[in-house]
Amino acid sequence: MPLLLLVIYLPIHIGMLFFMLVQYSRRKKGAVFFRAIMDSVKGFPVIMRKRRIVQNNKKTSIQSIWQSNGCRHS
Protein backbone atom coordinates (compact mmCIF):
# COMPACT_ATOMS: atom_id res chain seq x y z
CA MET A 1 0.00 0.00 0.00
CA PRO A 2 1.38 3.42 -0.84
CA LEU A 3 2.40 5.52 2.16
CA LEU A 4 -0.35 8.09 1.59
CA LEU A 5 -3.07 5.44 1.77
CA LEU A 6 -1.43 3.84 4.79
CA VAL A 7 -1.57 7.18 6.60
CA ILE A 8 -5.26 7.52 5.69
CA TYR A 9 -6.41 3.99 6.49
CA LEU A 10 -4.23 3.02 9.47
CA PRO A 11 -6.16 5.09 12.07
CA ILE A 12 -9.43 3.63 10.77
CA HIS A 13 -8.02 0.10 10.99
CA ILE A 14 -6.70 0.62 14.52
CA GLY A 15 -10.02 2.13 15.59
CA MET A 16 -11.93 -0.86 14.22
CA LEU A 17 -9.58 -3.27 16.00
CA PHE A 18 -10.15 -1.42 19.27
CA PHE A 19 -13.93 -1.44 18.72
CA MET A 20 -13.86 -5.18 18.00
CA LEU A 21 -11.72 -5.83 21.09
CA VAL A 22 -14.28 -3.99 23.24
CA GLN A 23 -17.16 -5.92 21.65
CA TYR A 24 -15.50 -9.31 22.09
CA SER A 25 -14.48 -8.42 25.65
CA ARG A 26 -18.09 -7.62 26.52
CA ARG A 27 -18.97 -11.14 25.33
CA LYS A 28 -16.15 -12.63 27.40
CA LYS A 29 -14.20 -13.46 24.21
CA GLY A 30 -11.53 -10.77 24.52
CA ALA A 31 -8.73 -13.29 25.12
CA VAL A 32 -9.64 -15.20 21.97
CA PHE A 33 -9.66 -11.99 19.93
CA PHE A 34 -6.33 -10.90 21.41
CA ARG A 35 -4.74 -14.29 20.60
CA ALA A 36 -5.99 -14.00 17.01
CA ILE A 37 -4.41 -10.55 16.70
CA MET A 38 -1.13 -11.82 18.16
CA ASP A 39 -1.11 -14.74 15.70
CA SER A 40 -1.58 -12.33 12.82
CA VAL A 41 1.29 -10.17 14.12
CA LYS A 42 3.55 -13.26 14.30
CA GLY A 43 2.78 -14.09 10.66
CA PHE A 44 3.23 -10.51 9.47
CA PRO A 45 6.88 -10.82 8.28
CA VAL A 46 6.04 -13.80 6.03
CA ILE A 47 3.02 -12.00 4.60
CA MET A 48 5.09 -8.87 3.92
CA ARG A 49 7.76 -10.88 2.04
CA LYS A 50 5.07 -12.46 -0.17
CA ARG A 51 3.37 -9.10 -0.62
CA ARG A 52 6.62 -7.45 -1.70
CA ILE A 53 7.02 -10.03 -4.49
CA VAL A 54 3.50 -9.36 -5.75
CA GLN A 55 3.79 -5.59 -5.48
CA ASN A 56 7.09 -5.53 -7.35
CA ASN A 57 5.25 -6.97 -10.34
CA LYS A 58 2.16 -4.75 -10.16
CA LYS A 59 1.96 -1.00 -10.43
CA THR A 60 -1.10 1.16 -10.00
CA SER A 61 -1.86 4.73 -9.05
CA ILE A 62 -3.12 5.91 -5.69
CA GLN A 63 -6.12 7.40 -7.49
CA SER A 64 -7.18 4.04 -8.94
CA ILE A 65 -6.90 2.36 -5.51
CA TRP A 66 -8.86 5.22 -3.92
CA GLN A 67 -11.61 4.93 -6.56
CA SER A 68 -11.79 1.14 -6.26
CA ASN A 69 -12.67 1.64 -2.58
CA GLY A 70 -15.70 3.71 -3.57
CA CYS A 71 -14.13 7.11 -2.95
CA ARG A 72 -14.58 9.88 -5.47
CA HIS A 73 -12.01 12.52 -6.34
CA SER A 74 -13.53 15.97 -5.91
PDB file of N, CA and C in Angstrom:
ATOM      1  N   MET A   1       0.851  -1.171   0.000  1.00  0.00           N
ATOM      2  CA  MET A   1       0.000   0.000   0.000  1.00  0.00           C
ATOM      3  C   MET A   1       0.894   1.230   0.000  1.00  0.00           C
ATOM      4  N   PRO A   2       0.605   2.176  -0.848  1.00  0.00           N
ATOM      5  CA  PRO A   2       1.383   3.416  -0.838  1.00  0.00           C
ATOM      6  C   PRO A   2       1.277   4.134   0.509  1.00  0.00           C
ATOM      7  N   LEU A   3       2.328   4.846   0.859  1.00  0.00           N
ATOM      8  CA  LEU A   3       2.401   5.515   2.161  1.00  0.00           C
ATOM      9  C   LEU A   3       1.208   6.430   2.412  1.00  0.00           C
ATOM     10  N   LEU A   4       0.781   7.180   1.410  1.00  0.00           N
ATOM     11  CA  LEU A   4      -0.347   8.091   1.586  1.00  0.00           C
ATOM     12  C   LEU A   4      -1.608   7.336   2.028  1.00  0.00           C
ATOM     13  N   LEU A   5      -1.887   6.216   1.384  1.00  0.00           N
ATOM     14  CA  LEU A   5      -3.075   5.442   1.766  1.00  0.00           C
ATOM     15  C   LEU A   5      -2.907   4.790   3.128  1.00  0.00           C
ATOM     16  N   LEU A   6      -1.680   4.394   3.467  1.00  0.00           N
ATOM     17  CA  LEU A   6      -1.429   3.836   4.792  1.00  0.00           C
ATOM     18  C   LEU A   6      -1.742   4.868   5.868  1.00  0.00           C
ATOM     19  N   VAL A   7      -1.315   6.098   5.639  1.00  0.00           N
ATOM     20  CA  VAL A   7      -1.571   7.179   6.597  1.00  0.00           C
ATOM     21  C   VAL A   7      -3.076   7.412   6.748  1.00  0.00           C
ATOM     22  N   ILE A   8      -3.818   7.301   5.647  1.00  0.00           N
ATOM     23  CA  ILE A   8      -5.265   7.524   5.689  1.00  0.00           C
ATOM     24  C   ILE A   8      -5.993   6.377   6.371  1.00  0.00           C
ATOM     25  N   TYR A   9      -5.646   5.147   6.019  1.00  0.00           N
ATOM     26  CA  TYR A   9      -6.408   3.986   6.486  1.00  0.00           C
ATOM     27  C   TYR A   9      -5.954   3.405   7.817  1.00  0.00           C
ATOM     28  N   LEU A  10      -4.714   3.619   8.241  1.00  0.00           N
ATOM     29  CA  LEU A  10      -4.226   3.022   9.475  1.00  0.00           C
ATOM     30  C   LEU A  10      -5.032   3.450  10.706  1.00  0.00           C
ATOM     31  N   PRO A  11      -5.347   4.730  10.898  1.00  0.00           N
ATOM     32  CA  PRO A  11      -6.156   5.092  12.070  1.00  0.00           C
ATOM     33  C   PRO A  11      -7.541   4.423  12.059  1.00  0.00           C
ATOM     34  N   ILE A  12      -8.134   4.285  10.880  1.00  0.00           N
ATOM     35  CA  ILE A  12      -9.434   3.627  10.774  1.00  0.00           C
ATOM     36  C   ILE A  12      -9.293   2.158  11.166  1.00  0.00           C
ATOM     37  N   HIS A  13      -8.259   1.512  10.683  1.00  0.00           N
ATOM     38  CA  HIS A  13      -8.025   0.095  10.986  1.00  0.00           C
ATOM     39  C   HIS A  13      -7.799  -0.108  12.487  1.00  0.00           C
ATOM     40  N   ILE A  14      -6.969   0.730  13.083  1.00  0.00           N
ATOM     41  CA  ILE A  14      -6.698   0.622  14.518  1.00  0.00           C
ATOM     42  C   ILE A  14      -7.977   0.877  15.321  1.00  0.00           C
ATOM     43  N   GLY A  15      -8.758   1.859  14.910  1.00  0.00           N
ATOM     44  CA  GLY A  15     -10.024   2.131  15.591  1.00  0.00           C
ATOM     45  C   GLY A  15     -10.975   0.953  15.526  1.00  0.00           C
ATOM     46  N   MET A  16     -11.056   0.315  14.359  1.00  0.00           N
ATOM     47  CA  MET A  16     -11.928  -0.859  14.221  1.00  0.00           C
ATOM     48  C   MET A  16     -11.437  -2.024  15.081  1.00  0.00           C
ATOM     49  N   LEU A  17     -10.124  -2.214  15.143  1.00  0.00           N
ATOM     50  CA  LEU A  17      -9.583  -3.275  16.000  1.00  0.00           C
ATOM     51  C   LEU A  17      -9.930  -3.018  17.467  1.00  0.00           C
ATOM     52  N   PHE A  18      -9.803  -1.759  17.890  1.00  0.00           N
ATOM     53  CA  PHE A  18     -10.152  -1.417  19.272  1.00  0.00           C
ATOM     54  C   PHE A  18     -11.639  -1.661  19.526  1.00  0.00           C
ATOM     55  N   PHE A  19     -12.487  -1.229  18.595  1.00  0.00           N
ATOM     56  CA  PHE A  19     -13.929  -1.441  18.718  1.00  0.00           C
ATOM     57  C   PHE A  19     -14.248  -2.938  18.823  1.00  0.00           C
ATOM     58  N   MET A  20     -13.608  -3.742  17.967  1.00  0.00           N
ATOM     59  CA  MET A  20     -13.855  -5.184  17.996  1.00  0.00           C
ATOM     60  C   MET A  20     -13.361  -5.800  19.303  1.00  0.00           C
ATOM     61  N   LEU A  21     -12.226  -5.326  19.809  1.00  0.00           N
ATOM     62  CA  LEU A  21     -11.722  -5.830  21.094  1.00  0.00           C
ATOM     63  C   LEU A  21     -12.721  -5.549  22.210  1.00  0.00           C
ATOM     64  N   VAL A  22     -13.281  -4.354  22.220  1.00  0.00           N
ATOM     65  CA  VAL A  22     -14.279  -3.993  23.237  1.00  0.00           C
ATOM     66  C   VAL A  22     -15.508  -4.903  23.103  1.00  0.00           C
ATOM     67  N   GLN A  23     -15.974  -5.093  21.866  1.00  0.00           N
ATOM     68  CA  GLN A  23     -17.161  -5.921  21.647  1.00  0.00           C
ATOM     69  C   GLN A  23     -16.923  -7.368  22.085  1.00  0.00           C
ATOM     70  N   TYR A  24     -15.794  -7.931  21.706  1.00  0.00           N
ATOM     71  CA  TYR A  24     -15.496  -9.313  22.093  1.00  0.00           C
ATOM     72  C   TYR A  24     -15.274  -9.424  23.594  1.00  0.00           C
ATOM     73  N   SER A  25     -14.688  -8.401  24.203  1.00  0.00           N
ATOM     74  CA  SER A  25     -14.479  -8.422  25.652  1.00  0.00           C
ATOM     75  C   SER A  25     -15.801  -8.410  26.395  1.00  0.00           C
ATOM     76  N   ARG A  26     -16.766  -7.667  25.877  1.00  0.00           N
ATOM     77  CA  ARG A  26     -18.091  -7.625  26.515  1.00  0.00           C
ATOM     78  C   ARG A  26     -18.767  -8.987  26.462  1.00  0.00           C
ATOM     79  N   ARG A  27     -18.416  -9.790  25.465  1.00  0.00           N
ATOM     80  CA  ARG A  27     -18.972 -11.143  25.333  1.00  0.00           C
ATOM     81  C   ARG A  27     -18.072 -12.193  25.969  1.00  0.00           C
ATOM     82  N   LYS A  28     -17.102 -11.751  26.735  1.00  0.00           N
ATOM     83  CA  LYS A  28     -16.145 -12.632  27.401  1.00  0.00           C
ATOM     84  C   LYS A  28     -15.286 -13.411  26.402  1.00  0.00           C
ATOM     85  N   LYS A  29     -15.031 -12.830  25.242  1.00  0.00           N
ATOM     86  CA  LYS A  29     -14.204 -13.460  24.211  1.00  0.00           C
ATOM     87  C   LYS A  29     -12.988 -12.608  23.878  1.00  0.00           C
ATOM     88  N   GLY A  30     -12.644 -11.670  24.764  1.00  0.00           N
ATOM     89  CA  GLY A  30     -11.528 -10.768  24.523  1.00  0.00           C
ATOM     90  C   GLY A  30     -10.200 -11.494  24.386  1.00  0.00           C
ATOM     91  N   ALA A  31      -9.987 -12.541  25.185  1.00  0.00           N
ATOM     92  CA  ALA A  31      -8.730 -13.289  25.119  1.00  0.00           C
ATOM     93  C   ALA A  31      -8.584 -13.992  23.775  1.00  0.00           C
ATOM     94  N   VAL A  32      -9.670 -14.533  23.271  1.00  0.00           N
ATOM     95  CA  VAL A  32      -9.636 -15.204  21.970  1.00  0.00           C
ATOM     96  C   VAL A  32      -9.286 -14.191  20.877  1.00  0.00           C
ATOM     97  N   PHE A  33      -9.931 -13.039  20.918  1.00  0.00           N
ATOM     98  CA  PHE A  33      -9.663 -11.991  19.930  1.00  0.00           C
ATOM     99  C   PHE A  33      -8.206 -11.545  20.012  1.00  0.00           C
ATOM    100  N   PHE A  34      -7.713 -11.346  21.222  1.00  0.00           N
ATOM    101  CA  PHE A  34      -6.334 -10.896  21.411  1.00  0.00           C
ATOM    102  C   PHE A  34      -5.347 -11.936  20.876  1.00  0.00           C
ATOM    103  N   ARG A  35      -5.604 -13.231  21.129  1.00  0.00           N
ATOM    104  CA  ARG A  35      -4.738 -14.290  20.602  1.00  0.00           C
ATOM    105  C   ARG A  35      -4.742 -14.284  19.077  1.00  0.00           C
ATOM    106  N   ALA A  36      -5.901 -14.052  18.469  1.00  0.00           N
ATOM    107  CA  ALA A  36      -5.989 -13.997  17.010  1.00  0.00           C
ATOM    108  C   ALA A  36      -5.153 -12.842  16.466  1.00  0.00           C
ATOM    109  N   ILE A  37      -5.209 -11.705  17.128  1.00  0.00           N
ATOM    110  CA  ILE A  37      -4.413 -10.549  16.701  1.00  0.00           C
ATOM    111  C   ILE A  37      -2.926 -10.862  16.844  1.00  0.00           C
ATOM    112  N   MET A  38      -2.540 -11.483  17.949  1.00  0.00           N
ATOM    113  CA  MET A  38      -1.133 -11.815  18.160  1.00  0.00           C
ATOM    114  C   MET A  38      -0.644 -12.829  17.123  1.00  0.00           C
ATOM    115  N   ASP A  39      -1.478 -13.789  16.748  1.00  0.00           N
ATOM    116  CA  ASP A  39      -1.107 -14.745  15.701  1.00  0.00           C
ATOM    117  C   ASP A  39      -0.895 -14.031  14.372  1.00  0.00           C
ATOM    118  N   SER A  40      -1.739 -13.059  14.084  1.00  0.00           N
ATOM    119  CA  SER A  40      -1.576 -12.330  12.823  1.00  0.00           C
ATOM    120  C   SER A  40      -0.298 -11.495  12.843  1.00  0.00           C
ATOM    121  N   VAL A  41       0.056 -10.949  13.996  1.00  0.00           N
ATOM    122  CA  VAL A  41       1.292 -10.172  14.115  1.00  0.00           C
ATOM    123  C   VAL A  41       2.504 -11.085  13.923  1.00  0.00           C
ATOM    124  N   LYS A  42       2.437 -12.307  14.462  1.00  0.00           N
ATOM    125  CA  LYS A  42       3.545 -13.258  14.298  1.00  0.00           C
ATOM    126  C   LYS A  42       3.752 -13.618  12.834  1.00  0.00           C
ATOM    127  N   GLY A  43       2.680 -13.722  12.062  1.00  0.00           N
ATOM    128  CA  GLY A  43       2.784 -14.090  10.663  1.00  0.00           C
ATOM    129  C   GLY A  43       3.041 -12.921   9.732  1.00  0.00           C
ATOM    130  N   PHE A  44       3.089 -11.717  10.279  1.00  0.00           N
ATOM    131  CA  PHE A  44       3.234 -10.514   9.467  1.00  0.00           C
ATOM    132  C   PHE A  44       4.501 -10.489   8.607  1.00  0.00           C
ATOM    133  N   PRO A  45       5.672 -10.861   9.123  1.00  0.00           N
ATOM    134  CA  PRO A  45       6.877 -10.823   8.283  1.00  0.00           C
ATOM    135  C   PRO A  45       6.770 -11.717   7.038  1.00  0.00           C
ATOM    136  N   VAL A  46       6.202 -12.895   7.181  1.00  0.00           N
ATOM    137  CA  VAL A  46       6.043 -13.798   6.029  1.00  0.00           C
ATOM    138  C   VAL A  46       5.095 -13.184   5.010  1.00  0.00           C
ATOM    139  N   ILE A  47       4.002 -12.627   5.496  1.00  0.00           N
ATOM    140  CA  ILE A  47       3.021 -11.998   4.601  1.00  0.00           C
ATOM    141  C   ILE A  47       3.663 -10.827   3.861  1.00  0.00           C
ATOM    142  N   MET A  48       4.465 -10.035   4.554  1.00  0.00           N
ATOM    143  CA  MET A  48       5.091  -8.875   3.916  1.00  0.00           C
ATOM    144  C   MET A  48       6.103  -9.294   2.845  1.00  0.00           C
ATOM    145  N   ARG A  49       6.824 -10.399   3.071  1.00  0.00           N
ATOM    146  CA  ARG A  49       7.756 -10.885   2.040  1.00  0.00           C
ATOM    147  C   ARG A  49       6.988 -11.292   0.788  1.00  0.00           C
ATOM    148  N   LYS A  50       5.888 -12.037   0.975  1.00  0.00           N
ATOM    149  CA  LYS A  50       5.074 -12.462  -0.170  1.00  0.00           C
ATOM    150  C   LYS A  50       4.455 -11.253  -0.858  1.00  0.00           C
ATOM    151  N   ARG A  51       4.003 -10.305  -0.074  1.00  0.00           N
ATOM    152  CA  ARG A  51       3.372  -9.103  -0.621  1.00  0.00           C
ATOM    153  C   ARG A  51       4.366  -8.290  -1.455  1.00  0.00           C
ATOM    154  N   ARG A  52       5.597  -8.204  -0.981  1.00  0.00           N
ATOM    155  CA  ARG A  52       6.622  -7.451  -1.697  1.00  0.00           C
ATOM    156  C   ARG A  52       6.852  -8.045  -3.085  1.00  0.00           C
ATOM    157  N   ILE A  53       6.854  -9.368  -3.190  1.00  0.00           N
ATOM    158  CA  ILE A  53       7.023 -10.029  -4.493  1.00  0.00           C
ATOM    159  C   ILE A  53       5.885  -9.643  -5.429  1.00  0.00           C
ATOM    160  N   VAL A  54       4.666  -9.701  -4.923  1.00  0.00           N
ATOM    161  CA  VAL A  54       3.504  -9.359  -5.745  1.00  0.00           C
ATOM    162  C   VAL A  54       3.544  -7.894  -6.138  1.00  0.00           C
ATOM    163  N   GLN A  55       3.819  -7.016  -5.201  1.00  0.00           N
ATOM    164  CA  GLN A  55       3.795  -5.590  -5.483  1.00  0.00           C
ATOM    165  C   GLN A  55       4.920  -5.149  -6.408  1.00  0.00           C
ATOM    166  N   ASN A  56       6.012  -5.876  -6.425  1.00  0.00           N
ATOM    167  CA  ASN A  56       7.089  -5.530  -7.352  1.00  0.00           C
ATOM    168  C   ASN A  56       6.675  -5.773  -8.798  1.00  0.00           C
ATOM    169  N   ASN A  57       5.708  -6.645  -8.991  1.00  0.00           N
ATOM    170  CA  ASN A  57       5.254  -6.972 -10.340  1.00  0.00           C
ATOM    171  C   ASN A  57       4.001  -6.221 -10.751  1.00  0.00           C
ATOM    172  N   LYS A  58       3.385  -5.490  -9.846  1.00  0.00           N
ATOM    173  CA  LYS A  58       2.164  -4.751 -10.162  1.00  0.00           C
ATOM    174  C   LYS A  58       2.354  -3.286  -9.808  1.00  0.00           C
ATOM    175  N   LYS A  59       1.901  -2.444 -10.681  1.00  0.00           N
ATOM    176  CA  LYS A  59       1.965  -0.996 -10.428  1.00  0.00           C
ATOM    177  C   LYS A  59       0.588  -0.402 -10.704  1.00  0.00           C
ATOM    178  N   THR A  60       0.162   0.461  -9.828  1.00  0.00           N
ATOM    179  CA  THR A  60      -1.104   1.156 -10.002  1.00  0.00           C
ATOM    180  C   THR A  60      -1.002   2.517  -9.320  1.00  0.00           C
ATOM    181  N   SER A  61      -1.907   3.392  -9.645  1.00  0.00           N
ATOM    182  CA  SER A  61      -1.864   4.727  -9.049  1.00  0.00           C
ATOM    183  C   SER A  61      -2.684   4.764  -7.766  1.00  0.00           C
ATOM    184  N   ILE A  62      -2.347   5.719  -6.922  1.00  0.00           N
ATOM    185  CA  ILE A  62      -3.115   5.913  -5.689  1.00  0.00           C
ATOM    186  C   ILE A  62      -4.563   6.234  -6.032  1.00  0.00           C
ATOM    187  N   GLN A  63      -4.767   7.009  -7.096  1.00  0.00           N
ATOM    188  CA  GLN A  63      -6.121   7.398  -7.494  1.00  0.00           C
ATOM    189  C   GLN A  63      -6.965   6.180  -7.861  1.00  0.00           C
ATOM    190  N   SER A  64      -6.393   5.213  -8.561  1.00  0.00           N
ATOM    191  CA  SER A  64      -7.179   4.040  -8.939  1.00  0.00           C
ATOM    192  C   SER A  64      -7.518   3.180  -7.718  1.00  0.00           C
ATOM    193  N   ILE A  65      -6.608   3.095  -6.750  1.00  0.00           N
ATOM    194  CA  ILE A  65      -6.897   2.362  -5.506  1.00  0.00           C
ATOM    195  C   ILE A  65      -8.004   3.079  -4.739  1.00  0.00           C
ATOM    196  N   TRP A  66      -7.876   4.401  -4.636  1.00  0.00           N
ATOM    197  CA  TRP A  66      -8.862   5.218  -3.924  1.00  0.00           C
ATOM    198  C   TRP A  66     -10.249   5.033  -4.532  1.00  0.00           C
ATOM    199  N   GLN A  67     -10.324   5.072  -5.874  1.00  0.00           N
ATOM    200  CA  GLN A  67     -11.615   4.928  -6.560  1.00  0.00           C
ATOM    201  C   GLN A  67     -12.160   3.517  -6.420  1.00  0.00           C
ATOM    202  N   SER A  68     -11.310   2.513  -6.388  1.00  0.00           N
ATOM    203  CA  SER A  68     -11.788   1.141  -6.258  1.00  0.00           C
ATOM    204  C   SER A  68     -12.420   0.897  -4.891  1.00  0.00           C
ATOM    205  N   ASN A  69     -12.079   1.745  -3.916  1.00  0.00           N
ATOM    206  CA  ASN A  69     -12.668   1.638  -2.584  1.00  0.00           C
ATOM    207  C   ASN A  69     -13.948   2.467  -2.460  1.00  0.00           C
ATOM    208  N   GLY A  70     -14.440   2.972  -3.575  1.00  0.00           N
ATOM    209  CA  GLY A  70     -15.697   3.712  -3.573  1.00  0.00           C
ATOM    210  C   GLY A  70     -15.550   5.191  -3.274  1.00  0.00           C
ATOM    211  N   CYS A  71     -14.343   5.685  -3.214  1.00  0.00           N
ATOM    212  CA  CYS A  71     -14.126   7.107  -2.948  1.00  0.00           C
ATOM    213  C   CYS A  71     -14.073   7.855  -4.259  1.00  0.00           C
ATOM    214  N   ARG A  72     -14.570   9.049  -4.257  1.00  0.00           N
ATOM    215  CA  ARG A  72     -14.577   9.882  -5.467  1.00  0.00           C
ATOM    216  C   ARG A  72     -13.622  11.046  -5.283  1.00  0.00           C
ATOM    217  N   HIS A  73     -12.923  11.364  -6.350  1.00  0.00           N
ATOM    218  CA  HIS A  73     -12.013  12.518  -6.338  1.00  0.00           C
ATOM    219  C   HIS A  73     -12.827  13.767  -6.609  1.00  0.00           C
ATOM    220  N   SER A  74     -12.732  14.761  -5.732  1.00  0.00           N
ATOM    221  CA  SER A  74     -13.529  15.972  -5.908  1.00  0.00           C
ATOM    222  C   SER A  74     -12.889  16.982  -6.800  1.00  0.00           C
TER     223      SER A  74
END
